[in-house]
């Protein structure tokens, strides 16, 4: 069984991220590209570069969604069918609506909120609001991993014929 990633830790007065709680996630995903992208986001977070962090985490969300779709596709589900060559967050959400993932309208709203948070971080503003939006994105990546990546690995082969 794949280990669950804990939520991003919070502190009251300092900017803090516990990089180690993501190690299990990165090890399980086993993608050097995703790991490098994610670690660059953590670097931006640790250096309070909120715009860079949020932009990168949005890209990591999309990348993790693609990895999940590929996992299902490799098990015989046609989760990549209809995905454009240069997909956007909207395209990934459309694919997540389809079986075997079949997200609900509330789950779709959650994904939309994450991508709106990414787009809301302003590179001219620093401080608590920007950090908290990045925290939301980090929590979103943990949720995506816990709720969808694990299922994409554990699902049985699709043996249905078209």
N, C-alpha and C. Protein backbone atom coordinates (compact mmCIF):
# COMPACT_ATOMS: atom_id res chain seq x y z
N UNK A 1 0.85 -1.18 0.00
CA UNK A 1 0.00 0.00 0.00
C UNK A 1 0.88 1.24 0.00
N UNK A 2 0.46 2.26 -0.67
CA UNK A 2 1.21 3.50 -0.77
C UNK A 2 0.94 4.35 0.46
N UNK A 3 2.00 4.95 0.99
CA UNK A 3 1.89 5.77 2.21
C UNK A 3 1.21 7.11 1.91
N UNK A 4 0.34 7.54 2.80
CA UNK A 4 -0.38 8.81 2.67
C UNK A 4 0.56 9.96 3.04
N UNK A 5 0.49 11.04 2.28
CA UNK A 5 1.29 12.23 2.56
C UNK A 5 0.53 13.09 3.56
N UNK A 6 1.22 13.55 4.58
CA UNK A 6 0.62 14.41 5.59
C UNK A 6 0.41 15.82 5.03
N UNK A 7 -0.52 16.54 5.62
CA UNK A 7 -0.77 17.92 5.22
C UNK A 7 0.45 18.79 5.49
N UNK A 8 0.53 19.88 4.75
CA UNK A 8 1.61 20.85 4.92
C UNK A 8 1.56 21.44 6.33
N UNK A 9 2.68 21.42 7.04
CA UNK A 9 2.68 21.98 8.39
C UNK A 9 2.51 23.49 8.37
N UNK A 10 1.94 24.03 9.42
CA UNK A 10 1.70 25.46 9.54
C UNK A 10 2.48 26.01 10.75
N UNK A 11 2.91 27.23 10.64
CA UNK A 11 3.49 27.93 11.78
C UNK A 11 2.83 29.30 11.86
N UNK A 12 2.93 29.95 13.01
CA UNK A 12 2.28 31.23 13.21
C UNK A 12 3.12 32.42 12.75
N UNK A 13 4.42 32.38 12.88
CA UNK A 13 5.21 33.57 12.68
C UNK A 13 6.25 33.44 11.59
N UNK A 14 6.65 32.28 11.19
CA UNK A 14 7.72 32.17 10.22
C UNK A 14 7.26 31.37 9.01
N UNK A 15 7.94 31.62 7.91
CA UNK A 15 7.66 30.85 6.71
C UNK A 15 8.38 29.51 6.88
N UNK A 16 7.66 28.43 6.72
CA UNK A 16 8.22 27.13 7.03
C UNK A 16 7.64 26.08 6.10
N UNK A 17 8.48 25.20 5.66
CA UNK A 17 7.99 24.04 4.94
C UNK A 17 8.82 22.83 5.34
N UNK A 18 8.16 21.78 5.63
CA UNK A 18 8.83 20.53 5.96
C UNK A 18 8.99 19.74 4.67
N UNK A 19 10.14 19.85 4.05
CA UNK A 19 10.38 19.19 2.77
C UNK A 19 10.27 17.68 2.89
N UNK A 20 10.53 17.15 4.04
CA UNK A 20 10.64 15.71 4.17
C UNK A 20 9.31 14.99 4.07
N UNK A 21 8.21 15.65 4.35
CA UNK A 21 6.94 14.93 4.25
C UNK A 21 6.55 14.68 2.79
N UNK A 22 7.24 15.31 1.85
CA UNK A 22 6.97 15.05 0.44
C UNK A 22 7.89 13.96 -0.14
N UNK A 23 8.89 13.54 0.63
CA UNK A 23 9.83 12.55 0.11
C UNK A 23 9.15 11.26 -0.32
N UNK A 24 8.22 10.77 0.49
CA UNK A 24 7.52 9.52 0.14
C UNK A 24 6.73 9.69 -1.15
N UNK A 25 6.09 10.85 -1.31
CA UNK A 25 5.34 11.12 -2.53
C UNK A 25 6.27 11.10 -3.74
N UNK A 26 7.37 11.81 -3.66
CA UNK A 26 8.29 11.88 -4.78
C UNK A 26 8.90 10.52 -5.10
N UNK A 27 9.19 9.76 -4.06
CA UNK A 27 9.75 8.41 -4.25
C UNK A 27 8.73 7.52 -4.95
N UNK A 28 7.47 7.58 -4.53
CA UNK A 28 6.43 6.74 -5.13
C UNK A 28 6.16 7.13 -6.58
N UNK A 29 6.12 8.43 -6.86
CA UNK A 29 5.86 8.89 -8.23
C UNK A 29 7.02 8.51 -9.14
N UNK A 30 8.24 8.59 -8.62
CA UNK A 30 9.42 8.12 -9.32
C UNK A 30 9.59 8.75 -10.70
N UNK A 31 9.49 10.05 -10.76
CA UNK A 31 9.69 10.79 -12.01
C UNK A 31 10.72 11.88 -11.73
N UNK A 32 11.89 11.77 -12.35
CA UNK A 32 12.93 12.76 -12.09
C UNK A 32 12.49 14.15 -12.53
N UNK A 33 11.72 14.24 -13.60
CA UNK A 33 11.24 15.55 -14.05
C UNK A 33 10.28 16.15 -13.02
N UNK A 34 9.31 15.37 -12.56
CA UNK A 34 8.37 15.87 -11.57
C UNK A 34 9.10 16.26 -10.28
N UNK A 35 10.03 15.42 -9.84
CA UNK A 35 10.80 15.71 -8.63
C UNK A 35 11.56 17.02 -8.76
N UNK A 36 12.21 17.22 -9.90
CA UNK A 36 12.96 18.45 -10.11
C UNK A 36 12.03 19.67 -10.11
N UNK A 37 10.91 19.56 -10.80
CA UNK A 37 9.95 20.66 -10.84
C UNK A 37 9.44 20.98 -9.44
N UNK A 38 9.07 19.96 -8.71
CA UNK A 38 8.52 20.15 -7.37
C UNK A 38 9.56 20.75 -6.43
N UNK A 39 10.79 20.25 -6.49
CA UNK A 39 11.84 20.78 -5.63
C UNK A 39 12.15 22.24 -5.95
N UNK A 40 12.04 22.63 -7.20
CA UNK A 40 12.23 24.04 -7.56
C UNK A 40 11.12 24.90 -6.92
N UNK A 41 9.92 24.37 -6.88
CA UNK A 41 8.81 25.08 -6.22
C UNK A 41 9.08 25.23 -4.73
N UNK A 42 9.58 24.17 -4.10
CA UNK A 42 9.92 24.25 -2.67
C UNK A 42 11.03 25.27 -2.43
N UNK A 43 11.98 25.34 -3.34
CA UNK A 43 13.05 26.33 -3.23
C UNK A 43 12.45 27.75 -3.28
N UNK A 44 11.56 27.97 -4.25
CA UNK A 44 10.91 29.28 -4.36
C UNK A 44 10.11 29.58 -3.10
N UNK A 45 9.42 28.58 -2.57
CA UNK A 45 8.64 28.75 -1.33
C UNK A 45 9.55 29.15 -0.18
N UNK A 46 10.63 28.42 0.00
CA UNK A 46 11.54 28.68 1.10
C UNK A 46 12.20 30.06 1.00
N UNK A 47 12.27 30.60 -0.21
CA UNK A 47 12.86 31.92 -0.41
C UNK A 47 11.80 33.00 -0.62
N UNK A 48 10.55 32.66 -0.27
CA UNK A 48 9.43 33.60 -0.29
C UNK A 48 9.20 34.23 -1.66
N UNK A 49 9.42 33.47 -2.70
CA UNK A 49 9.16 33.89 -4.09
C UNK A 49 7.81 33.30 -4.48
N UNK A 50 6.75 33.93 -3.99
CA UNK A 50 5.41 33.36 -4.06
C UNK A 50 4.90 33.22 -5.48
N UNK A 51 5.16 34.20 -6.33
CA UNK A 51 4.69 34.12 -7.72
C UNK A 51 5.34 32.93 -8.42
N UNK A 52 6.65 32.80 -8.27
CA UNK A 52 7.36 31.67 -8.89
C UNK A 52 6.87 30.34 -8.32
N UNK A 53 6.68 30.30 -7.02
CA UNK A 53 6.21 29.09 -6.36
C UNK A 53 4.83 28.70 -6.88
N UNK A 54 3.91 29.65 -6.91
CA UNK A 54 2.54 29.35 -7.35
C UNK A 54 2.49 28.92 -8.80
N UNK A 55 3.24 29.61 -9.66
CA UNK A 55 3.26 29.23 -11.08
C UNK A 55 3.80 27.81 -11.24
N UNK A 56 4.87 27.53 -10.51
CA UNK A 56 5.45 26.19 -10.59
C UNK A 56 4.54 25.12 -10.02
N UNK A 57 3.88 25.42 -8.90
CA UNK A 57 2.99 24.43 -8.31
C UNK A 57 1.78 24.16 -9.20
N UNK A 58 1.31 25.18 -9.92
CA UNK A 58 0.24 24.95 -10.89
C UNK A 58 0.70 23.99 -11.97
N UNK A 59 1.93 24.16 -12.41
CA UNK A 59 2.50 23.24 -13.40
C UNK A 59 2.65 21.83 -12.81
N UNK A 60 3.05 21.75 -11.55
CA UNK A 60 3.17 20.44 -10.89
C UNK A 60 1.80 19.77 -10.77
N UNK A 61 0.76 20.53 -10.47
CA UNK A 61 -0.60 19.97 -10.42
C UNK A 61 -0.96 19.35 -11.76
N UNK A 62 -0.74 20.11 -12.83
CA UNK A 62 -1.05 19.59 -14.16
C UNK A 62 -0.19 18.37 -14.48
N UNK A 63 1.09 18.41 -14.12
CA UNK A 63 1.98 17.28 -14.39
C UNK A 63 1.52 16.04 -13.63
N UNK A 64 1.15 16.21 -12.36
CA UNK A 64 0.67 15.07 -11.58
C UNK A 64 -0.64 14.53 -12.14
N UNK A 65 -1.50 15.41 -12.61
CA UNK A 65 -2.74 14.95 -13.25
C UNK A 65 -2.41 14.12 -14.49
N UNK A 66 -1.43 14.54 -15.27
CA UNK A 66 -1.02 13.78 -16.45
C UNK A 66 -0.45 12.42 -16.06
N UNK A 67 0.38 12.39 -15.02
CA UNK A 67 0.94 11.12 -14.55
C UNK A 67 -0.18 10.18 -14.14
N UNK A 68 -1.18 10.69 -13.45
CA UNK A 68 -2.31 9.87 -13.02
C UNK A 68 -3.06 9.33 -14.24
N UNK A 69 -3.33 10.18 -15.21
CA UNK A 69 -4.01 9.73 -16.43
C UNK A 69 -3.18 8.67 -17.16
N UNK A 70 -1.88 8.85 -17.21
CA UNK A 70 -1.00 7.87 -17.85
C UNK A 70 -1.03 6.54 -17.10
N UNK A 71 -1.05 6.59 -15.77
CA UNK A 71 -1.12 5.35 -14.99
C UNK A 71 -2.36 4.55 -15.35
N UNK A 72 -3.50 5.24 -15.41
CA UNK A 72 -4.74 4.56 -15.80
C UNK A 72 -4.64 4.05 -17.23
N UNK A 73 -4.12 4.86 -18.12
CA UNK A 73 -3.99 4.48 -19.52
C UNK A 73 -3.13 3.21 -19.66
N UNK A 74 -2.05 3.16 -18.88
CA UNK A 74 -1.17 1.98 -18.91
C UNK A 74 -1.86 0.73 -18.41
N UNK A 75 -2.95 0.89 -17.66
CA UNK A 75 -3.71 -0.26 -17.16
C UNK A 75 -4.88 -0.60 -18.07
N UNK A 76 -4.93 0.02 -19.26
CA UNK A 76 -5.96 -0.32 -20.23
C UNK A 76 -7.17 0.60 -20.28
N UNK A 77 -7.17 1.66 -19.48
CA UNK A 77 -8.26 2.63 -19.52
C UNK A 77 -7.87 3.71 -20.52
N UNK A 78 -8.81 4.22 -21.26
CA UNK A 78 -8.52 5.19 -22.31
C UNK A 78 -8.57 6.62 -21.78
N UNK A 79 -7.78 6.88 -20.76
CA UNK A 79 -7.82 8.18 -20.09
C UNK A 79 -7.08 9.28 -20.85
N UNK A 80 -6.28 8.90 -21.83
CA UNK A 80 -5.57 9.91 -22.61
C UNK A 80 -6.30 10.26 -23.91
N UNK A 81 -7.33 9.48 -24.23
CA UNK A 81 -8.11 9.72 -25.44
C UNK A 81 -8.81 11.07 -25.33
N UNK A 82 -8.59 11.92 -26.30
CA UNK A 82 -9.22 13.23 -26.32
C UNK A 82 -8.41 14.32 -25.63
N UNK A 83 -7.29 13.94 -25.00
CA UNK A 83 -6.45 14.95 -24.36
C UNK A 83 -5.63 15.65 -25.44
N UNK A 84 -5.74 16.98 -25.56
CA UNK A 84 -5.01 17.68 -26.60
C UNK A 84 -3.49 17.60 -26.42
N UNK A 85 -2.77 17.96 -27.47
CA UNK A 85 -1.31 17.91 -27.45
C UNK A 85 -0.73 18.83 -26.37
N UNK A 86 -1.30 19.99 -26.19
CA UNK A 86 -0.86 20.95 -25.17
C UNK A 86 -2.00 21.22 -24.20
N UNK A 87 -2.29 20.26 -23.31
CA UNK A 87 -3.46 20.39 -22.44
C UNK A 87 -3.30 21.49 -21.39
N UNK A 88 -4.43 22.01 -20.98
CA UNK A 88 -4.50 23.01 -19.92
C UNK A 88 -5.18 22.37 -18.71
N UNK A 89 -5.25 23.12 -17.62
CA UNK A 89 -5.94 22.63 -16.43
C UNK A 89 -7.36 22.21 -16.78
N UNK A 90 -8.04 22.99 -17.61
CA UNK A 90 -9.41 22.68 -18.03
C UNK A 90 -9.49 21.31 -18.71
N UNK A 91 -8.52 21.02 -19.58
CA UNK A 91 -8.50 19.73 -20.27
C UNK A 91 -8.30 18.57 -19.30
N UNK A 92 -7.43 18.76 -18.31
CA UNK A 92 -7.20 17.70 -17.33
C UNK A 92 -8.46 17.45 -16.50
N UNK A 93 -9.14 18.51 -16.13
CA UNK A 93 -10.38 18.35 -15.36
C UNK A 93 -11.42 17.60 -16.18
N UNK A 94 -11.53 17.90 -17.46
CA UNK A 94 -12.46 17.16 -18.34
C UNK A 94 -12.12 15.67 -18.32
N UNK A 95 -10.83 15.34 -18.41
CA UNK A 95 -10.43 13.93 -18.41
C UNK A 95 -10.73 13.27 -17.07
N UNK A 96 -10.58 14.03 -15.98
CA UNK A 96 -10.86 13.48 -14.65
C UNK A 96 -12.35 13.25 -14.43
N UNK A 97 -13.20 13.88 -15.23
CA UNK A 97 -14.64 13.63 -15.13
C UNK A 97 -15.00 12.24 -15.67
N UNK A 98 -14.17 11.72 -16.55
CA UNK A 98 -14.45 10.46 -17.24
C UNK A 98 -14.07 9.26 -16.38
N UNK A 99 -14.73 8.11 -16.63
CA UNK A 99 -14.32 6.88 -15.94
C UNK A 99 -12.89 6.51 -16.33
N UNK A 100 -12.15 5.92 -15.45
CA UNK A 100 -12.54 5.37 -14.16
C UNK A 100 -12.43 6.37 -13.01
N UNK A 101 -11.96 7.58 -13.26
CA UNK A 101 -11.77 8.55 -12.17
C UNK A 101 -13.13 9.13 -11.76
N UNK A 102 -13.86 9.67 -12.72
CA UNK A 102 -15.24 10.14 -12.51
C UNK A 102 -15.39 11.08 -11.31
N UNK A 103 -14.68 12.21 -11.34
CA UNK A 103 -14.80 13.15 -10.22
C UNK A 103 -16.21 13.73 -10.16
N UNK A 104 -16.60 14.10 -8.95
CA UNK A 104 -17.90 14.72 -8.73
C UNK A 104 -17.80 16.22 -9.02
N UNK A 105 -18.93 16.90 -9.04
CA UNK A 105 -18.93 18.34 -9.27
C UNK A 105 -18.18 19.07 -8.15
N UNK A 106 -18.25 18.56 -6.94
CA UNK A 106 -17.52 19.18 -5.82
C UNK A 106 -16.02 19.00 -5.98
N UNK A 107 -15.61 17.82 -6.43
CA UNK A 107 -14.19 17.60 -6.66
C UNK A 107 -13.70 18.50 -7.80
N UNK A 108 -14.53 18.67 -8.82
CA UNK A 108 -14.18 19.56 -9.92
C UNK A 108 -14.03 20.99 -9.42
N UNK A 109 -14.92 21.41 -8.53
CA UNK A 109 -14.81 22.74 -7.94
C UNK A 109 -13.50 22.89 -7.18
N UNK A 110 -13.11 21.85 -6.45
CA UNK A 110 -11.85 21.88 -5.72
C UNK A 110 -10.68 22.11 -6.67
N UNK A 111 -10.65 21.36 -7.77
CA UNK A 111 -9.56 21.55 -8.75
C UNK A 111 -9.59 22.95 -9.32
N UNK A 112 -10.77 23.46 -9.64
CA UNK A 112 -10.87 24.82 -10.17
C UNK A 112 -10.36 25.84 -9.16
N UNK A 113 -10.66 25.63 -7.88
CA UNK A 113 -10.18 26.53 -6.83
C UNK A 113 -8.65 26.52 -6.79
N UNK A 114 -8.06 25.34 -6.90
CA UNK A 114 -6.59 25.27 -6.89
C UNK A 114 -5.99 26.07 -8.03
N UNK A 115 -6.56 25.92 -9.22
CA UNK A 115 -6.00 26.65 -10.36
C UNK A 115 -6.31 28.14 -10.28
N UNK A 116 -7.42 28.51 -9.68
CA UNK A 116 -7.69 29.94 -9.46
C UNK A 116 -6.70 30.50 -8.44
N UNK A 117 -6.36 29.72 -7.43
CA UNK A 117 -5.37 30.17 -6.44
C UNK A 117 -4.02 30.40 -7.11
N UNK A 118 -3.64 29.48 -7.98
CA UNK A 118 -2.39 29.66 -8.72
C UNK A 118 -2.41 30.98 -9.48
N UNK A 119 -3.50 31.27 -10.14
CA UNK A 119 -3.61 32.47 -10.95
C UNK A 119 -3.78 33.74 -10.13
N UNK A 120 -4.11 33.59 -8.84
CA UNK A 120 -4.35 34.75 -7.99
C UNK A 120 -3.07 35.31 -7.36
N UNK A 121 -1.98 34.55 -7.38
CA UNK A 121 -0.75 35.03 -6.75
C UNK A 121 -0.13 36.10 -7.63
N UNK A 122 0.11 37.24 -7.02
CA UNK A 122 0.61 38.43 -7.72
C UNK A 122 2.10 38.59 -7.45
N UNK A 123 2.88 38.78 -8.50
CA UNK A 123 4.33 38.90 -8.31
C UNK A 123 4.74 40.26 -7.73
N UNK A 124 3.80 41.19 -7.57
CA UNK A 124 4.12 42.48 -6.95
C UNK A 124 3.73 42.52 -5.47
N UNK A 125 3.20 41.44 -4.97
CA UNK A 125 2.73 41.43 -3.59
C UNK A 125 3.45 40.31 -2.84
N UNK A 126 3.87 40.61 -1.65
CA UNK A 126 4.47 39.58 -0.80
C UNK A 126 3.64 39.49 0.47
N UNK A 127 3.86 38.47 1.23
CA UNK A 127 3.21 38.40 2.52
C UNK A 127 2.29 37.23 2.72
N UNK A 128 1.48 37.35 3.78
CA UNK A 128 0.67 36.25 4.27
C UNK A 128 -0.30 35.69 3.23
N UNK A 129 -0.99 36.56 2.50
CA UNK A 129 -1.97 36.07 1.52
C UNK A 129 -1.30 35.23 0.45
N UNK A 130 -0.19 35.71 -0.06
CA UNK A 130 0.51 34.98 -1.12
C UNK A 130 1.03 33.64 -0.60
N UNK A 131 1.57 33.64 0.61
CA UNK A 131 2.07 32.40 1.21
C UNK A 131 0.93 31.41 1.39
N UNK A 132 -0.20 31.89 1.87
CA UNK A 132 -1.31 30.98 2.14
C UNK A 132 -1.87 30.38 0.85
N UNK A 133 -1.83 31.12 -0.24
CA UNK A 133 -2.25 30.55 -1.52
C UNK A 133 -1.28 29.45 -1.95
N UNK A 134 0.01 29.66 -1.71
CA UNK A 134 0.99 28.61 -2.01
C UNK A 134 0.79 27.41 -1.09
N UNK A 135 0.45 27.66 0.19
CA UNK A 135 0.13 26.55 1.10
C UNK A 135 -1.05 25.75 0.58
N UNK A 136 -2.07 26.44 0.09
CA UNK A 136 -3.25 25.77 -0.47
C UNK A 136 -2.83 24.89 -1.65
N UNK A 137 -1.96 25.39 -2.50
CA UNK A 137 -1.50 24.61 -3.65
C UNK A 137 -0.70 23.39 -3.20
N UNK A 138 0.14 23.55 -2.20
CA UNK A 138 0.90 22.40 -1.68
C UNK A 138 -0.04 21.36 -1.07
N UNK A 139 -1.03 21.82 -0.32
CA UNK A 139 -2.04 20.90 0.21
C UNK A 139 -2.80 20.22 -0.93
N UNK A 140 -3.10 20.97 -1.99
CA UNK A 140 -3.79 20.41 -3.14
C UNK A 140 -2.99 19.31 -3.81
N UNK A 141 -1.67 19.49 -3.92
CA UNK A 141 -0.83 18.45 -4.50
C UNK A 141 -0.85 17.22 -3.60
N UNK A 142 -0.79 17.42 -2.28
CA UNK A 142 -0.89 16.28 -1.35
C UNK A 142 -2.23 15.57 -1.53
N UNK A 143 -3.31 16.34 -1.63
CA UNK A 143 -4.64 15.73 -1.82
C UNK A 143 -4.73 14.98 -3.14
N UNK A 144 -4.22 15.57 -4.20
CA UNK A 144 -4.24 14.92 -5.51
C UNK A 144 -3.48 13.60 -5.45
N UNK A 145 -2.33 13.63 -4.82
CA UNK A 145 -1.54 12.40 -4.67
C UNK A 145 -2.30 11.37 -3.83
N UNK A 146 -2.77 11.78 -2.66
CA UNK A 146 -3.44 10.84 -1.76
C UNK A 146 -4.73 10.28 -2.34
N UNK A 147 -5.52 11.12 -2.98
CA UNK A 147 -6.85 10.71 -3.41
C UNK A 147 -6.90 10.11 -4.82
N UNK A 148 -5.95 10.46 -5.67
CA UNK A 148 -6.04 10.04 -7.07
C UNK A 148 -4.83 9.25 -7.55
N UNK A 149 -3.64 9.62 -7.14
CA UNK A 149 -2.46 8.88 -7.60
C UNK A 149 -2.51 7.45 -7.08
N UNK A 150 -2.76 7.30 -5.79
CA UNK A 150 -2.80 5.95 -5.20
C UNK A 150 -3.79 5.05 -5.94
N UNK A 151 -4.96 5.58 -6.26
CA UNK A 151 -5.97 4.79 -6.98
C UNK A 151 -5.48 4.41 -8.37
N UNK A 152 -4.73 5.30 -9.01
CA UNK A 152 -4.25 5.03 -10.37
C UNK A 152 -3.20 3.93 -10.39
N UNK A 153 -2.54 3.72 -9.27
CA UNK A 153 -1.54 2.66 -9.16
C UNK A 153 -2.20 1.34 -8.76
N UNK A 154 -3.16 1.42 -7.86
CA UNK A 154 -3.75 0.21 -7.28
C UNK A 154 -4.87 -0.40 -8.11
N UNK A 155 -5.41 0.34 -9.10
CA UNK A 155 -6.52 -0.18 -9.88
C UNK A 155 -6.09 -1.41 -10.70
N UNK A 156 -7.02 -2.32 -10.85
CA UNK A 156 -6.75 -3.54 -11.64
C UNK A 156 -6.78 -3.22 -13.12
N UNK A 157 -6.15 -4.07 -13.88
CA UNK A 157 -6.15 -3.94 -15.35
C UNK A 157 -7.58 -3.91 -15.87
N UNK A 158 -7.82 -3.08 -16.86
CA UNK A 158 -9.12 -3.03 -17.54
C UNK A 158 -9.10 -4.13 -18.60
N UNK A 159 -9.95 -5.13 -18.45
CA UNK A 159 -9.96 -6.23 -19.40
C UNK A 159 -11.16 -6.16 -20.35
N UNK A 160 -11.94 -5.09 -20.25
CA UNK A 160 -13.10 -4.92 -21.12
C UNK A 160 -12.64 -4.64 -22.54
N UNK A 161 -13.32 -5.22 -23.51
CA UNK A 161 -13.05 -4.98 -24.92
C UNK A 161 -13.96 -3.87 -25.42
N UNK A 162 -13.46 -3.08 -26.35
CA UNK A 162 -14.29 -2.01 -26.93
C UNK A 162 -15.31 -2.56 -27.90
